[in-house]
Amino acid sequence: IPPVTIFMDGYADGVAYYNEAKGKDV
C-alpha cells in the first residue's frame, strides 16, 4: 500500500544515487 511502498521507493532510490555518485553496484 502507498504508505509502505513510499518508504521502499525512497530507500531504493537512495541506494541508486549512492551507486551513481560512487561508481558502485550495491
mmCIF file of all heavy atoms, coordinates in Angstrom:
data_MODEL
# 
_entry.id   MODEL 
# 
loop_
_atom_site.group_PDB 
_atom_site.id 
_atom_site.type_symbol 
_atom_site.label_atom_id 
_atom_site.label_alt_id 
_atom_site.label_comp_id 
_atom_site.label_asym_id 
_atom_site.label_entity_id 
_atom_site.label_seq_id 
_atom_site.pdbx_PDB_ins_code 
_atom_site.Cartn_x 
_atom_site.Cartn_y 
_atom_site.Cartn_z 
_atom_site.occupancy 
_atom_site.B_iso_or_equiv 
_atom_site.pdbx_formal_charge 
_atom_site.auth_seq_id 
_atom_site.auth_comp_id 
_atom_site.auth_asym_id 
_atom_site.auth_atom_id 
_atom_site.pdbx_PDB_model_num 
ATOM 1   N N   . ILE A 1 1  ? 0.858  -1.178 0.000   1.00 0.00 ? 1  ILE A N   1 
ATOM 2   C CA  . ILE A 1 1  ? 0.000  0.000  0.000   1.00 0.00 ? 1  ILE A CA  1 
ATOM 3   C C   . ILE A 1 1  ? 0.897  1.231  0.000   1.00 0.00 ? 1  ILE A C   1 
ATOM 4   O O   . ILE A 1 1  ? 2.060  1.167  0.435   1.00 0.00 ? 1  ILE A O   1 
ATOM 5   C CB  . ILE A 1 1  ? -0.934 0.017  1.233   1.00 0.00 ? 1  ILE A CB  1 
ATOM 6   C CG1 . ILE A 1 1  ? -0.130 -0.082 2.535   1.00 0.00 ? 1  ILE A CG1 1 
ATOM 7   C CG2 . ILE A 1 1  ? -1.959 -1.111 1.126   1.00 0.00 ? 1  ILE A CG2 1 
ATOM 8   C CD1 . ILE A 1 1  ? -0.965 0.011  3.800   1.00 0.00 ? 1  ILE A CD1 1 
ATOM 9   N N   . PRO A 1 2  ? 0.405  2.370  -0.498  1.00 0.00 ? 2  PRO A N   1 
ATOM 10  C CA  . PRO A 1 2  ? 1.254  3.557  -0.642  1.00 0.00 ? 2  PRO A CA  1 
ATOM 11  C C   . PRO A 1 2  ? 2.017  3.981  0.611   1.00 0.00 ? 2  PRO A C   1 
ATOM 12  O O   . PRO A 1 2  ? 3.205  4.321  0.504   1.00 0.00 ? 2  PRO A O   1 
ATOM 13  C CB  . PRO A 1 2  ? 0.270  4.634  -1.114  1.00 0.00 ? 2  PRO A CB  1 
ATOM 14  C CG  . PRO A 1 2  ? -0.755 3.869  -1.887  1.00 0.00 ? 2  PRO A CG  1 
ATOM 15  C CD  . PRO A 1 2  ? -0.928 2.589  -1.129  1.00 0.00 ? 2  PRO A CD  1 
ATOM 16  N N   . PRO A 1 3  ? 1.402  3.981  1.831   1.00 0.00 ? 3  PRO A N   1 
ATOM 17  C CA  . PRO A 1 3  ? 2.166  4.408  2.993   1.00 0.00 ? 3  PRO A CA  1 
ATOM 18  C C   . PRO A 1 3  ? 3.357  3.507  3.318   1.00 0.00 ? 3  PRO A C   1 
ATOM 19  O O   . PRO A 1 3  ? 4.225  3.876  4.100   1.00 0.00 ? 3  PRO A O   1 
ATOM 20  C CB  . PRO A 1 3  ? 1.133  4.374  4.134   1.00 0.00 ? 3  PRO A CB  1 
ATOM 21  C CG  . PRO A 1 3  ? -0.188 4.504  3.447   1.00 0.00 ? 3  PRO A CG  1 
ATOM 22  C CD  . PRO A 1 3  ? -0.020 3.744  2.167   1.00 0.00 ? 3  PRO A CD  1 
ATOM 23  N N   . VAL A 1 4  ? 3.384  2.311  2.720   1.00 0.00 ? 4  VAL A N   1 
ATOM 24  C CA  . VAL A 1 4  ? 4.509  1.383  2.896   1.00 0.00 ? 4  VAL A CA  1 
ATOM 25  C C   . VAL A 1 4  ? 5.491  1.506  1.739   1.00 0.00 ? 4  VAL A C   1 
ATOM 26  O O   . VAL A 1 4  ? 6.703  1.681  1.939   1.00 0.00 ? 4  VAL A O   1 
ATOM 27  C CB  . VAL A 1 4  ? 4.002  -0.075 3.012   1.00 0.00 ? 4  VAL A CB  1 
ATOM 28  C CG1 . VAL A 1 4  ? 5.176  -1.057 2.958   1.00 0.00 ? 4  VAL A CG1 1 
ATOM 29  C CG2 . VAL A 1 4  ? 3.219  -0.260 4.297   1.00 0.00 ? 4  VAL A CG2 1 
ATOM 30  N N   . THR A 1 5  ? 4.992  1.429  0.525   1.00 0.00 ? 5  THR A N   1 
ATOM 31  C CA  . THR A 1 5  ? 5.891  1.414  -0.637  1.00 0.00 ? 5  THR A CA  1 
ATOM 32  C C   . THR A 1 5  ? 6.615  2.740  -0.837  1.00 0.00 ? 5  THR A C   1 
ATOM 33  O O   . THR A 1 5  ? 7.672  2.771  -1.464  1.00 0.00 ? 5  THR A O   1 
ATOM 34  C CB  . THR A 1 5  ? 5.129  1.039  -1.920  1.00 0.00 ? 5  THR A CB  1 
ATOM 35  O OG1 . THR A 1 5  ? 4.089  1.997  -2.165  1.00 0.00 ? 5  THR A OG1 1 
ATOM 36  C CG2 . THR A 1 5  ? 4.516  -0.347 -1.793  1.00 0.00 ? 5  THR A CG2 1 
ATOM 37  N N   . ILE A 1 6  ? 6.083  3.831  -0.290  1.00 0.00 ? 6  ILE A N   1 
ATOM 38  C CA  . ILE A 1 6  ? 6.780  5.114  -0.401  1.00 0.00 ? 6  ILE A CA  1 
ATOM 39  C C   . ILE A 1 6  ? 8.137  5.044  0.299   1.00 0.00 ? 6  ILE A C   1 
ATOM 40  O O   . ILE A 1 6  ? 9.125  5.606  -0.188  1.00 0.00 ? 6  ILE A O   1 
ATOM 41  C CB  . ILE A 1 6  ? 5.917  6.260  0.170   1.00 0.00 ? 6  ILE A CB  1 
ATOM 42  C CG1 . ILE A 1 6  ? 6.595  7.612  -0.058  1.00 0.00 ? 6  ILE A CG1 1 
ATOM 43  C CG2 . ILE A 1 6  ? 5.620  6.061  1.650   1.00 0.00 ? 6  ILE A CG2 1 
ATOM 44  C CD1 . ILE A 1 6  ? 5.736  8.800  0.344   1.00 0.00 ? 6  ILE A CD1 1 
ATOM 45  N N   . PHE A 1 7  ? 8.217  4.327  1.423   1.00 0.00 ? 7  PHE A N   1 
ATOM 46  C CA  . PHE A 1 7  ? 9.500  4.121  2.104   1.00 0.00 ? 7  PHE A CA  1 
ATOM 47  C C   . PHE A 1 7  ? 10.451 3.326  1.206   1.00 0.00 ? 7  PHE A C   1 
ATOM 48  O O   . PHE A 1 7  ? 11.630 3.641  1.086   1.00 0.00 ? 7  PHE A O   1 
ATOM 49  C CB  . PHE A 1 7  ? 9.302  3.316  3.392   1.00 0.00 ? 7  PHE A CB  1 
ATOM 50  C CG  . PHE A 1 7  ? 8.777  4.082  4.571   1.00 0.00 ? 7  PHE A CG  1 
ATOM 51  C CD1 . PHE A 1 7  ? 7.425  4.144  4.832   1.00 0.00 ? 7  PHE A CD1 1 
ATOM 52  C CD2 . PHE A 1 7  ? 9.642  4.699  5.458   1.00 0.00 ? 7  PHE A CD2 1 
ATOM 53  C CE1 . PHE A 1 7  ? 6.938  4.809  5.951   1.00 0.00 ? 7  PHE A CE1 1 
ATOM 54  C CE2 . PHE A 1 7  ? 9.166  5.367  6.584   1.00 0.00 ? 7  PHE A CE2 1 
ATOM 55  C CZ  . PHE A 1 7  ? 7.810  5.427  6.827   1.00 0.00 ? 7  PHE A CZ  1 
ATOM 56  N N   . MET A 1 8  ? 9.917  2.266  0.624   1.00 0.00 ? 8  MET A N   1 
ATOM 57  C CA  . MET A 1 8  ? 10.735 1.347  -0.163  1.00 0.00 ? 8  MET A CA  1 
ATOM 58  C C   . MET A 1 8  ? 11.241 2.009  -1.436  1.00 0.00 ? 8  MET A C   1 
ATOM 59  O O   . MET A 1 8  ? 12.394 1.799  -1.853  1.00 0.00 ? 8  MET A O   1 
ATOM 60  C CB  . MET A 1 8  ? 9.921  0.081  -0.448  1.00 0.00 ? 8  MET A CB  1 
ATOM 61  C CG  . MET A 1 8  ? 9.485  -0.618 0.846   1.00 0.00 ? 8  MET A CG  1 
ATOM 62  S SD  . MET A 1 8  ? 8.180  -1.857 0.633   1.00 0.00 ? 8  MET A SD  1 
ATOM 63  C CE  . MET A 1 8  ? 9.138  -3.266 0.064   1.00 0.00 ? 8  MET A CE  1 
ATOM 64  N N   . ASP A 1 9  ? 10.401 2.857  -2.043  1.00 0.00 ? 9  ASP A N   1 
ATOM 65  C CA  . ASP A 1 9  ? 10.836 3.612  -3.228  1.00 0.00 ? 9  ASP A CA  1 
ATOM 66  C C   . ASP A 1 9  ? 11.998 4.538  -2.891  1.00 0.00 ? 9  ASP A C   1 
ATOM 67  O O   . ASP A 1 9  ? 13.006 4.582  -3.608  1.00 0.00 ? 9  ASP A O   1 
ATOM 68  C CB  . ASP A 1 9  ? 9.671  4.451  -3.777  1.00 0.00 ? 9  ASP A CB  1 
ATOM 69  C CG  . ASP A 1 9  ? 8.664  3.650  -4.584  1.00 0.00 ? 9  ASP A CG  1 
ATOM 70  O OD1 . ASP A 1 9  ? 8.961  2.488  -4.929  1.00 0.00 ? 9  ASP A OD1 1 
ATOM 71  O OD2 . ASP A 1 9  ? 7.582  4.189  -4.865  1.00 0.00 ? 9  ASP A OD2 1 
ATOM 72  N N   . GLY A 1 10 ? 11.843 5.293  -1.809  1.00 0.00 ? 10 GLY A N   1 
ATOM 73  C CA  . GLY A 1 10 ? 12.885 6.228  -1.432  1.00 0.00 ? 10 GLY A CA  1 
ATOM 74  C C   . GLY A 1 10 ? 14.182 5.526  -1.095  1.00 0.00 ? 10 GLY A C   1 
ATOM 75  O O   . GLY A 1 10 ? 15.276 5.968  -1.471  1.00 0.00 ? 10 GLY A O   1 
ATOM 76  N N   . TYR A 1 11 ? 14.070 4.415  -0.381  1.00 0.00 ? 11 TYR A N   1 
ATOM 77  C CA  . TYR A 1 11 ? 15.244 3.615  0.006   1.00 0.00 ? 11 TYR A CA  1 
ATOM 78  C C   . TYR A 1 11 ? 15.995 3.123  -1.232  1.00 0.00 ? 11 TYR A C   1 
ATOM 79  O O   . TYR A 1 11 ? 17.222 3.269  -1.328  1.00 0.00 ? 11 TYR A O   1 
ATOM 80  C CB  . TYR A 1 11 ? 14.746 2.442  0.842   1.00 0.00 ? 11 TYR A CB  1 
ATOM 81  C CG  . TYR A 1 11 ? 15.792 1.538  1.442   1.00 0.00 ? 11 TYR A CG  1 
ATOM 82  C CD1 . TYR A 1 11 ? 16.539 1.931  2.543   1.00 0.00 ? 11 TYR A CD1 1 
ATOM 83  C CD2 . TYR A 1 11 ? 15.985 0.243  0.942   1.00 0.00 ? 11 TYR A CD2 1 
ATOM 84  C CE1 . TYR A 1 11 ? 17.463 1.069  3.135   1.00 0.00 ? 11 TYR A CE1 1 
ATOM 85  C CE2 . TYR A 1 11 ? 16.895 -0.625 1.520   1.00 0.00 ? 11 TYR A CE2 1 
ATOM 86  C CZ  . TYR A 1 11 ? 17.635 -0.213 2.624   1.00 0.00 ? 11 TYR A CZ  1 
ATOM 87  O OH  . TYR A 1 11 ? 18.540 -1.066 3.206   1.00 0.00 ? 11 TYR A OH  1 
ATOM 88  N N   . ALA A 1 12 ? 15.252 2.559  -2.185  1.00 0.00 ? 12 ALA A N   1 
ATOM 89  C CA  . ALA A 1 12 ? 15.872 2.047  -3.405  1.00 0.00 ? 12 ALA A CA  1 
ATOM 90  C C   . ALA A 1 12 ? 16.548 3.172  -4.194  1.00 0.00 ? 12 ALA A C   1 
ATOM 91  O O   . ALA A 1 12 ? 17.652 3.003  -4.737  1.00 0.00 ? 12 ALA A O   1 
ATOM 92  C CB  . ALA A 1 12 ? 14.824 1.348  -4.270  1.00 0.00 ? 12 ALA A CB  1 
ATOM 93  N N   . ASP A 1 13 ? 15.902 4.334  -4.258  1.00 0.00 ? 13 ASP A N   1 
ATOM 94  C CA  . ASP A 1 13 ? 16.486 5.448  -4.999  1.00 0.00 ? 13 ASP A CA  1 
ATOM 95  C C   . ASP A 1 13 ? 17.721 6.009  -4.300  1.00 0.00 ? 13 ASP A C   1 
ATOM 96  O O   . ASP A 1 13 ? 18.655 6.485  -4.959  1.00 0.00 ? 13 ASP A O   1 
ATOM 97  C CB  . ASP A 1 13 ? 15.449 6.560  -5.187  1.00 0.00 ? 13 ASP A CB  1 
ATOM 98  C CG  . ASP A 1 13 ? 14.477 6.251  -6.314  1.00 0.00 ? 13 ASP A CG  1 
ATOM 99  O OD1 . ASP A 1 13 ? 14.720 5.293  -7.067  1.00 0.00 ? 13 ASP A OD1 1 
ATOM 100 O OD2 . ASP A 1 13 ? 13.467 6.977  -6.440  1.00 0.00 ? 13 ASP A OD2 1 
ATOM 101 N N   . GLY A 1 14 ? 17.743 5.966  -2.969  1.00 0.00 ? 14 GLY A N   1 
ATOM 102 C CA  . GLY A 1 14 ? 18.926 6.411  -2.241  1.00 0.00 ? 14 GLY A CA  1 
ATOM 103 C C   . GLY A 1 14 ? 20.121 5.529  -2.530  1.00 0.00 ? 14 GLY A C   1 
ATOM 104 O O   . GLY A 1 14 ? 21.253 6.015  -2.677  1.00 0.00 ? 14 GLY A O   1 
ATOM 105 N N   . VAL A 1 15 ? 19.875 4.225  -2.622  1.00 0.00 ? 15 VAL A N   1 
ATOM 106 C CA  . VAL A 1 15 ? 20.946 3.287  -2.978  1.00 0.00 ? 15 VAL A CA  1 
ATOM 107 C C   . VAL A 1 15 ? 21.424 3.565  -4.401  1.00 0.00 ? 15 VAL A C   1 
ATOM 108 O O   . VAL A 1 15 ? 22.639 3.604  -4.668  1.00 0.00 ? 15 VAL A O   1 
ATOM 109 C CB  . VAL A 1 15 ? 20.461 1.826  -2.848  1.00 0.00 ? 15 VAL A CB  1 
ATOM 110 C CG1 . VAL A 1 15 ? 21.523 0.859  -3.384  1.00 0.00 ? 15 VAL A CG1 1 
ATOM 111 C CG2 . VAL A 1 15 ? 20.133 1.496  -1.401  1.00 0.00 ? 15 VAL A CG2 1 
ATOM 112 N N   . ALA A 1 16 ? 20.473 3.782  -5.303  1.00 0.00 ? 16 ALA A N   1 
ATOM 113 C CA  . ALA A 1 16 ? 20.836 4.060  -6.694  1.00 0.00 ? 16 ALA A CA  1 
ATOM 114 C C   . ALA A 1 16 ? 21.646 5.351  -6.806  1.00 0.00 ? 16 ALA A C   1 
ATOM 115 O O   . ALA A 1 16 ? 22.597 5.439  -7.599  1.00 0.00 ? 16 ALA A O   1 
ATOM 116 C CB  . ALA A 1 16 ? 19.568 4.156  -7.556  1.00 0.00 ? 16 ALA A CB  1 
ATOM 117 N N   . TYR A 1 17 ? 21.290 6.348  -6.014  1.00 0.00 ? 17 TYR A N   1 
ATOM 118 C CA  . TYR A 1 17 ? 22.010 7.628  -6.024  1.00 0.00 ? 17 TYR A CA  1 
ATOM 119 C C   . TYR A 1 17 ? 23.444 7.424  -5.535  1.00 0.00 ? 17 TYR A C   1 
ATOM 120 O O   . TYR A 1 17 ? 24.391 7.983  -6.096  1.00 0.00 ? 17 TYR A O   1 
ATOM 121 C CB  . TYR A 1 17 ? 21.281 8.634  -5.138  1.00 0.00 ? 17 TYR A CB  1 
ATOM 122 C CG  . TYR A 1 17 ? 21.749 10.065 -5.279  1.00 0.00 ? 17 TYR A CG  1 
ATOM 123 C CD1 . TYR A 1 17 ? 21.184 10.908 -6.240  1.00 0.00 ? 17 TYR A CD1 1 
ATOM 124 C CD2 . TYR A 1 17 ? 22.758 10.579 -4.462  1.00 0.00 ? 17 TYR A CD2 1 
ATOM 125 C CE1 . TYR A 1 17 ? 21.602 12.222 -6.371  1.00 0.00 ? 17 TYR A CE1 1 
ATOM 126 C CE2 . TYR A 1 17 ? 23.191 11.890 -4.588  1.00 0.00 ? 17 TYR A CE2 1 
ATOM 127 C CZ  . TYR A 1 17 ? 22.602 12.707 -5.537  1.00 0.00 ? 17 TYR A CZ  1 
ATOM 128 O OH  . TYR A 1 17 ? 23.034 14.013 -5.676  1.00 0.00 ? 17 TYR A OH  1 
ATOM 129 N N   . TYR A 1 18 ? 23.595 6.606  -4.504  1.00 0.00 ? 18 TYR A N   1 
ATOM 130 C CA  . TYR A 1 18 ? 24.932 6.298  -3.989  1.00 0.00 ? 18 TYR A CA  1 
ATOM 131 C C   . TYR A 1 18 ? 25.755 5.599  -5.071  1.00 0.00 ? 18 TYR A C   1 
ATOM 132 O O   . TYR A 1 18 ? 26.935 5.934  -5.289  1.00 0.00 ? 18 TYR A O   1 
ATOM 133 C CB  . TYR A 1 18 ? 24.823 5.398  -2.760  1.00 0.00 ? 18 TYR A CB  1 
ATOM 134 C CG  . TYR A 1 18 ? 26.158 4.978  -2.189  1.00 0.00 ? 18 TYR A CG  1 
ATOM 135 C CD1 . TYR A 1 18 ? 26.802 5.752  -1.230  1.00 0.00 ? 18 TYR A CD1 1 
ATOM 136 C CD2 . TYR A 1 18 ? 26.785 3.797  -2.611  1.00 0.00 ? 18 TYR A CD2 1 
ATOM 137 C CE1 . TYR A 1 18 ? 28.038 5.381  -0.709  1.00 0.00 ? 18 TYR A CE1 1 
ATOM 138 C CE2 . TYR A 1 18 ? 28.021 3.416  -2.099  1.00 0.00 ? 18 TYR A CE2 1 
ATOM 139 C CZ  . TYR A 1 18 ? 28.642 4.211  -1.149  1.00 0.00 ? 18 TYR A CZ  1 
ATOM 140 O OH  . TYR A 1 18 ? 29.864 3.832  -0.654  1.00 0.00 ? 18 TYR A OH  1 
ATOM 141 N N   . ASN A 1 19 ? 25.153 4.622  -5.747  1.00 0.00 ? 19 ASN A N   1 
ATOM 142 C CA  . ASN A 1 19 ? 25.873 3.887  -6.787  1.00 0.00 ? 19 ASN A CA  1 
ATOM 143 C C   . ASN A 1 19 ? 26.358 4.817  -7.890  1.00 0.00 ? 19 ASN A C   1 
ATOM 144 O O   . ASN A 1 19 ? 27.497 4.711  -8.370  1.00 0.00 ? 19 ASN A O   1 
ATOM 145 C CB  . ASN A 1 19 ? 24.967 2.807  -7.391  1.00 0.00 ? 19 ASN A CB  1 
ATOM 146 C CG  . ASN A 1 19 ? 24.773 1.631  -6.452  1.00 0.00 ? 19 ASN A CG  1 
ATOM 147 O OD1 . ASN A 1 19 ? 25.585 1.396  -5.556  1.00 0.00 ? 19 ASN A OD1 1 
ATOM 148 N ND2 . ASN A 1 19 ? 23.692 0.889  -6.649  1.00 0.00 ? 19 ASN A ND2 1 
ATOM 149 N N   . GLU A 1 20 ? 25.483 5.747  -8.281  1.00 0.00 ? 20 GLU A N   1 
ATOM 150 C CA  . GLU A 1 20 ? 25.846 6.679  -9.354  1.00 0.00 ? 20 GLU A CA  1 
ATOM 151 C C   . GLU A 1 20 ? 26.965 7.619  -8.906  1.00 0.00 ? 20 GLU A C   1 
ATOM 152 O O   . GLU A 1 20 ? 27.900 7.894  -9.655  1.00 0.00 ? 20 GLU A O   1 
ATOM 153 C CB  . GLU A 1 20 ? 24.622 7.487  -9.768  1.00 0.00 ? 20 GLU A CB  1 
ATOM 154 C CG  . GLU A 1 20 ? 24.878 8.427  -10.948 1.00 0.00 ? 20 GLU A CG  1 
ATOM 155 C CD  . GLU A 1 20 ? 23.625 9.149  -11.416 1.00 0.00 ? 20 GLU A CD  1 
ATOM 156 O OE1 . GLU A 1 20 ? 22.534 8.833  -10.920 1.00 0.00 ? 20 GLU A OE1 1 
ATOM 157 O OE2 . GLU A 1 20 ? 23.747 10.037 -12.292 1.00 0.00 ? 20 GLU A OE2 1 
ATOM 158 N N   . ALA A 1 21 ? 26.866 8.089  -7.665  1.00 0.00 ? 21 ALA A N   1 
ATOM 159 C CA  . ALA A 1 21 ? 27.864 9.036  -7.162  1.00 0.00 ? 21 ALA A CA  1 
ATOM 160 C C   . ALA A 1 21 ? 29.219 8.382  -6.937  1.00 0.00 ? 21 ALA A C   1 
ATOM 161 O O   . ALA A 1 21 ? 30.269 9.018  -7.125  1.00 0.00 ? 21 ALA A O   1 
ATOM 162 C CB  . ALA A 1 21 ? 27.370 9.662  -5.858  1.00 0.00 ? 21 ALA A CB  1 
ATOM 163 N N   . LYS A 1 22 ? 29.206 7.105  -6.552  1.00 0.00 ? 22 LYS A N   1 
ATOM 164 C CA  . LYS A 1 22 ? 30.445 6.427  -6.163  1.00 0.00 ? 22 LYS A CA  1 
ATOM 165 C C   . LYS A 1 22 ? 30.946 5.412  -7.187  1.00 0.00 ? 22 LYS A C   1 
ATOM 166 O O   . LYS A 1 22 ? 32.020 4.817  -6.994  1.00 0.00 ? 22 LYS A O   1 
ATOM 167 C CB  . LYS A 1 22 ? 30.230 5.693  -4.826  1.00 0.00 ? 22 LYS A CB  1 
ATOM 168 C CG  . LYS A 1 22 ? 29.793 6.598  -3.683  1.00 0.00 ? 22 LYS A CG  1 
ATOM 169 C CD  . LYS A 1 22 ? 30.907 7.538  -3.281  1.00 0.00 ? 22 LYS A CD  1 
ATOM 170 C CE  . LYS A 1 22 ? 30.533 8.352  -2.062  1.00 0.00 ? 22 LYS A CE  1 
ATOM 171 N NZ  . LYS A 1 22 ? 31.621 9.243  -1.617  1.00 0.00 ? 22 LYS A NZ  1 
ATOM 172 N N   . GLY A 1 23 ? 30.188 5.201  -8.242  1.00 0.00 ? 23 GLY A N   1 
ATOM 173 C CA  . GLY A 1 23 ? 30.594 4.201  -9.218  1.00 0.00 ? 23 GLY A CA  1 
ATOM 174 C C   . GLY A 1 23 ? 30.514 2.790  -8.651  1.00 0.00 ? 23 GLY A C   1 
ATOM 175 O O   . GLY A 1 23 ? 31.303 1.917  -9.007  1.00 0.00 ? 23 GLY A O   1 
ATOM 176 N N   . LYS A 1 24 ? 29.551 2.557  -7.770  1.00 0.00 ? 24 LYS A N   1 
ATOM 177 C CA  . LYS A 1 24 ? 29.385 1.252  -7.126  1.00 0.00 ? 24 LYS A CA  1 
ATOM 178 C C   . LYS A 1 24 ? 28.180 0.514  -7.709  1.00 0.00 ? 24 LYS A C   1 
ATOM 179 O O   . LYS A 1 24 ? 27.447 1.045  -8.558  1.00 0.00 ? 24 LYS A O   1 
ATOM 180 C CB  . LYS A 1 24 ? 29.201 1.422  -5.611  1.00 0.00 ? 24 LYS A CB  1 
ATOM 181 C CG  . LYS A 1 24 ? 30.349 2.138  -4.921  1.00 0.00 ? 24 LYS A CG  1 
ATOM 182 C CD  . LYS A 1 24 ? 31.606 1.292  -4.894  1.00 0.00 ? 24 LYS A CD  1 
ATOM 183 C CE  . LYS A 1 24 ? 32.706 1.977  -4.091  1.00 0.00 ? 24 LYS A CE  1 
ATOM 184 N NZ  . LYS A 1 24 ? 33.937 1.155  -4.022  1.00 0.00 ? 24 LYS A NZ  1 
ATOM 185 N N   . ASP A 1 25 ? 27.945 -0.706 -7.213  1.00 0.00 ? 25 ASP A N   1 
ATOM 186 C CA  . ASP A 1 25 ? 26.812 -1.503 -7.684  1.00 0.00 ? 25 ASP A CA  1 
ATOM 187 C C   . ASP A 1 25 ? 26.152 -2.228 -6.510  1.00 0.00 ? 25 ASP A C   1 
ATOM 188 O O   . ASP A 1 25 ? 25.992 -3.443 -6.525  1.00 0.00 ? 25 ASP A O   1 
ATOM 189 C CB  . ASP A 1 25 ? 27.280 -2.512 -8.738  1.00 0.00 ? 25 ASP A CB  1 
ATOM 190 C CG  . ASP A 1 25 ? 26.120 -3.240 -9.400  1.00 0.00 ? 25 ASP A CG  1 
ATOM 191 O OD1 . ASP A 1 25 ? 25.012 -2.661 -9.434  1.00 0.00 ? 25 ASP A OD1 1 
ATOM 192 O OD2 . ASP A 1 25 ? 26.304 -4.389 -9.856  1.00 0.00 ? 25 ASP A OD2 1 
ATOM 193 N N   . VAL A 1 26 ? 25.791 -1.463 -5.485  1.00 0.00 ? 26 VAL A N   1 
ATOM 194 C CA  . VAL A 1 26 ? 25.099 -2.050 -4.342  1.00 0.00 ? 26 VAL A CA  1 
ATOM 195 C C   . VAL A 1 26 ? 23.691 -2.448 -4.797  1.00 0.00 ? 26 VAL A C   1 
ATOM 196 O O   . VAL A 1 26 ? 22.973 -1.650 -5.413  1.00 0.00 ? 26 VAL A O   1 
ATOM 197 C CB  . VAL A 1 26 ? 25.017 -1.059 -3.168  1.00 0.00 ? 26 VAL A CB  1 
ATOM 198 C CG1 . VAL A 1 26 ? 24.255 -1.676 -1.996  1.00 0.00 ? 26 VAL A CG1 1 
ATOM 199 C CG2 . VAL A 1 26 ? 26.408 -0.628 -2.731  1.00 0.00 ? 26 VAL A CG2 1 
# 
